[in-house]
N, C-alpha and C. Protein backbone atom coordinates (compact mmCIF):
# COMPACT_ATOMS: atom_id res chain seq x y z
N MET A 1 108.92 80.56 -85.02
CA MET A 1 108.73 81.11 -83.69
C MET A 1 108.92 79.99 -82.68
N ALA A 2 109.67 80.24 -81.65
CA ALA A 2 109.94 79.22 -80.63
C ALA A 2 108.69 78.95 -79.79
N ASP A 3 108.59 77.72 -79.30
CA ASP A 3 107.44 77.34 -78.48
C ASP A 3 107.22 78.28 -77.32
N ALA A 4 108.28 78.62 -76.62
CA ALA A 4 108.18 79.43 -75.42
C ALA A 4 107.59 80.81 -75.70
N SER A 5 107.80 81.35 -76.89
CA SER A 5 107.29 82.69 -77.17
C SER A 5 105.79 82.69 -77.45
N MET A 6 105.20 81.56 -77.80
CA MET A 6 103.75 81.49 -78.02
C MET A 6 102.99 81.16 -76.74
N VAL A 7 103.58 80.32 -75.91
CA VAL A 7 102.92 79.90 -74.66
C VAL A 7 102.73 81.12 -73.76
N GLY A 8 101.50 81.27 -73.27
CA GLY A 8 101.18 82.40 -72.40
C GLY A 8 100.53 83.57 -73.12
N LEU A 9 100.56 83.57 -74.45
CA LEU A 9 99.91 84.65 -75.19
C LEU A 9 98.40 84.50 -75.09
N MET A 10 97.71 85.63 -75.15
CA MET A 10 96.26 85.66 -75.09
C MET A 10 95.70 85.77 -76.50
N GLY A 11 94.50 85.22 -76.68
CA GLY A 11 93.83 85.30 -77.96
C GLY A 11 92.33 85.29 -77.76
N ARG A 12 91.60 85.30 -78.87
CA ARG A 12 90.14 85.26 -78.81
C ARG A 12 89.66 84.16 -79.76
N VAL A 13 88.68 83.40 -79.31
CA VAL A 13 88.14 82.30 -80.10
C VAL A 13 87.29 82.86 -81.24
N THR A 14 87.59 82.42 -82.46
CA THR A 14 86.81 82.84 -83.63
C THR A 14 86.02 81.68 -84.22
N GLY A 15 86.27 80.48 -83.73
CA GLY A 15 85.52 79.28 -84.14
C GLY A 15 85.47 78.34 -82.95
N THR A 16 84.28 77.92 -82.54
CA THR A 16 84.09 77.13 -81.32
C THR A 16 85.09 75.98 -81.21
N ILE A 17 85.62 75.82 -80.00
CA ILE A 17 86.60 74.78 -79.69
C ILE A 17 85.92 73.78 -78.76
N GLY A 18 86.11 72.49 -79.00
CA GLY A 18 85.51 71.52 -78.10
C GLY A 18 85.90 70.10 -78.45
N PRO A 19 85.36 69.14 -77.68
CA PRO A 19 85.64 67.73 -77.95
C PRO A 19 85.22 67.36 -79.37
N GLY A 20 86.13 66.82 -80.13
CA GLY A 20 85.83 66.43 -81.50
C GLY A 20 85.78 67.58 -82.49
N LEU A 21 86.05 68.79 -82.03
CA LEU A 21 86.03 69.97 -82.89
C LEU A 21 87.42 70.59 -82.96
N VAL A 22 87.81 71.01 -84.14
CA VAL A 22 89.02 71.82 -84.28
C VAL A 22 88.52 73.24 -84.43
N GLY A 23 88.81 74.07 -83.45
CA GLY A 23 88.35 75.45 -83.49
C GLY A 23 89.41 76.36 -84.05
N GLU A 24 89.20 77.66 -83.87
CA GLU A 24 90.13 78.65 -84.38
C GLU A 24 90.24 79.80 -83.38
N VAL A 25 91.46 80.31 -83.23
CA VAL A 25 91.68 81.48 -82.40
C VAL A 25 92.51 82.49 -83.17
N ILE A 26 92.38 83.75 -82.78
CA ILE A 26 93.23 84.80 -83.33
C ILE A 26 94.10 85.29 -82.18
N VAL A 27 95.41 85.35 -82.45
CA VAL A 27 96.39 85.72 -81.43
C VAL A 27 97.25 86.85 -81.97
N ARG A 28 97.50 87.85 -81.15
CA ARG A 28 98.41 88.94 -81.54
C ARG A 28 99.84 88.45 -81.34
N VAL A 29 100.56 88.38 -82.46
CA VAL A 29 101.93 87.86 -82.44
C VAL A 29 102.72 88.45 -83.61
N ARG A 30 104.01 88.60 -83.43
CA ARG A 30 104.90 89.11 -84.48
C ARG A 30 104.44 90.45 -85.05
N GLY A 31 103.91 91.31 -84.23
CA GLY A 31 103.50 92.64 -84.67
C GLY A 31 102.18 92.69 -85.42
N GLY A 32 101.43 91.62 -85.39
CA GLY A 32 100.14 91.57 -86.07
C GLY A 32 99.21 90.60 -85.36
N ALA A 33 98.19 90.16 -86.06
CA ALA A 33 97.26 89.17 -85.51
C ALA A 33 97.19 88.01 -86.49
N GLU A 34 97.30 86.79 -85.97
CA GLU A 34 97.30 85.60 -86.82
C GLU A 34 96.30 84.58 -86.30
N HIS A 35 95.74 83.81 -87.23
CA HIS A 35 94.79 82.75 -86.88
C HIS A 35 95.53 81.42 -86.71
N PHE A 36 95.09 80.65 -85.72
CA PHE A 36 95.66 79.33 -85.46
C PHE A 36 94.53 78.33 -85.28
N LEU A 37 94.76 77.08 -85.69
CA LEU A 37 93.83 76.00 -85.37
C LEU A 37 93.96 75.76 -83.88
N ALA A 38 92.84 75.48 -83.21
CA ALA A 38 92.88 75.39 -81.74
C ALA A 38 92.15 74.16 -81.22
N HIS A 39 92.74 73.58 -80.18
CA HIS A 39 92.16 72.46 -79.45
C HIS A 39 92.08 72.87 -77.98
N PRO A 40 91.13 72.30 -77.22
CA PRO A 40 91.07 72.61 -75.79
C PRO A 40 92.20 71.91 -75.05
N ALA A 41 92.80 72.58 -74.07
CA ALA A 41 93.87 71.98 -73.26
C ALA A 41 93.33 70.80 -72.47
N SER A 42 92.10 70.91 -72.00
CA SER A 42 91.42 69.82 -71.32
C SER A 42 90.42 69.23 -72.31
N ALA A 43 90.59 67.95 -72.63
CA ALA A 43 89.81 67.32 -73.71
C ALA A 43 88.30 67.48 -73.59
N ALA A 44 87.78 67.65 -72.39
CA ALA A 44 86.33 67.75 -72.19
C ALA A 44 85.79 69.17 -72.31
N ASP A 45 86.67 70.17 -72.37
CA ASP A 45 86.23 71.57 -72.40
C ASP A 45 85.61 71.95 -73.73
N ARG A 46 84.62 72.83 -73.66
CA ARG A 46 84.03 73.46 -74.85
C ARG A 46 84.19 74.96 -74.64
N ILE A 47 84.79 75.63 -75.60
CA ILE A 47 85.06 77.06 -75.47
C ILE A 47 84.36 77.79 -76.61
N ALA A 48 83.46 78.69 -76.25
CA ALA A 48 82.60 79.37 -77.22
C ALA A 48 83.32 80.51 -77.95
N THR A 49 82.80 80.83 -79.11
CA THR A 49 83.28 81.97 -79.90
C THR A 49 83.23 83.24 -79.05
N GLY A 50 84.28 84.04 -79.12
CA GLY A 50 84.35 85.30 -78.39
C GLY A 50 85.07 85.19 -77.06
N THR A 51 85.32 83.98 -76.58
CA THR A 51 85.99 83.78 -75.29
C THR A 51 87.47 84.14 -75.40
N VAL A 52 87.98 84.83 -74.39
CA VAL A 52 89.41 85.14 -74.32
C VAL A 52 90.11 83.90 -73.78
N VAL A 53 91.17 83.47 -74.48
CA VAL A 53 91.89 82.26 -74.10
C VAL A 53 93.39 82.53 -73.96
N MET A 54 94.07 81.58 -73.31
CA MET A 54 95.52 81.65 -73.19
C MET A 54 96.11 80.40 -73.83
N VAL A 55 97.18 80.59 -74.59
CA VAL A 55 97.87 79.48 -75.23
C VAL A 55 98.69 78.73 -74.18
N VAL A 56 98.46 77.42 -74.07
CA VAL A 56 99.22 76.60 -73.12
C VAL A 56 100.20 75.66 -73.82
N GLU A 57 99.99 75.44 -75.12
CA GLU A 57 100.93 74.61 -75.89
C GLU A 57 100.86 75.03 -77.35
N TYR A 58 102.00 75.02 -78.01
CA TYR A 58 102.09 75.42 -79.41
C TYR A 58 102.73 74.29 -80.21
N LEU A 59 102.06 73.88 -81.29
CA LEU A 59 102.60 72.86 -82.19
C LEU A 59 102.79 73.52 -83.56
N PRO A 60 104.03 73.82 -83.92
CA PRO A 60 104.27 74.48 -85.20
C PRO A 60 103.72 73.66 -86.36
N PRO A 61 103.25 74.29 -87.42
CA PRO A 61 103.33 75.72 -87.60
C PRO A 61 102.09 76.51 -87.16
N ARG A 62 100.88 75.89 -87.08
CA ARG A 62 99.66 76.69 -86.87
C ARG A 62 98.68 76.09 -85.89
N THR A 63 99.12 75.30 -84.94
CA THR A 63 98.19 74.66 -84.00
C THR A 63 98.52 75.04 -82.57
N VAL A 64 97.47 75.35 -81.80
CA VAL A 64 97.65 75.68 -80.38
C VAL A 64 96.64 74.93 -79.53
N TYR A 65 97.01 74.71 -78.29
CA TYR A 65 96.10 74.19 -77.27
C TYR A 65 95.85 75.35 -76.33
N VAL A 66 94.58 75.58 -76.00
CA VAL A 66 94.22 76.77 -75.22
C VAL A 66 93.30 76.42 -74.04
N THR A 67 93.25 77.35 -73.12
CA THR A 67 92.32 77.27 -71.99
C THR A 67 91.70 78.64 -71.82
N ALA A 68 90.48 78.70 -71.31
CA ALA A 68 89.81 79.99 -71.07
C ALA A 68 90.66 80.80 -70.10
N ALA A 69 90.84 82.07 -70.42
CA ALA A 69 91.71 82.93 -69.62
C ALA A 69 91.02 83.37 -68.31
N TYR A 70 89.71 83.43 -68.32
CA TYR A 70 88.96 83.90 -67.15
C TYR A 70 87.84 82.92 -66.85
N ASP A 71 87.51 82.77 -65.56
CA ASP A 71 86.38 81.92 -65.19
C ASP A 71 85.08 82.58 -65.61
N SER A 72 84.14 81.77 -66.05
CA SER A 72 82.85 82.32 -66.51
C SER A 72 81.95 82.63 -65.35
């Protein structure tokens, strides 16, 4: 999957993301839902389980950098 097709997709955090933590998100892609390892786009951010996020960078094959999609 090309980088451009992942960037901008929305997902939901299934494992807390934060400084020093590799979290997990589930993203609807390729006609299904897939899990990706996730890091915060801003190194200081902590993103809790259940938060809706947007993919801002994709590193093949299974890593994404995300930011919260909505302000809390």
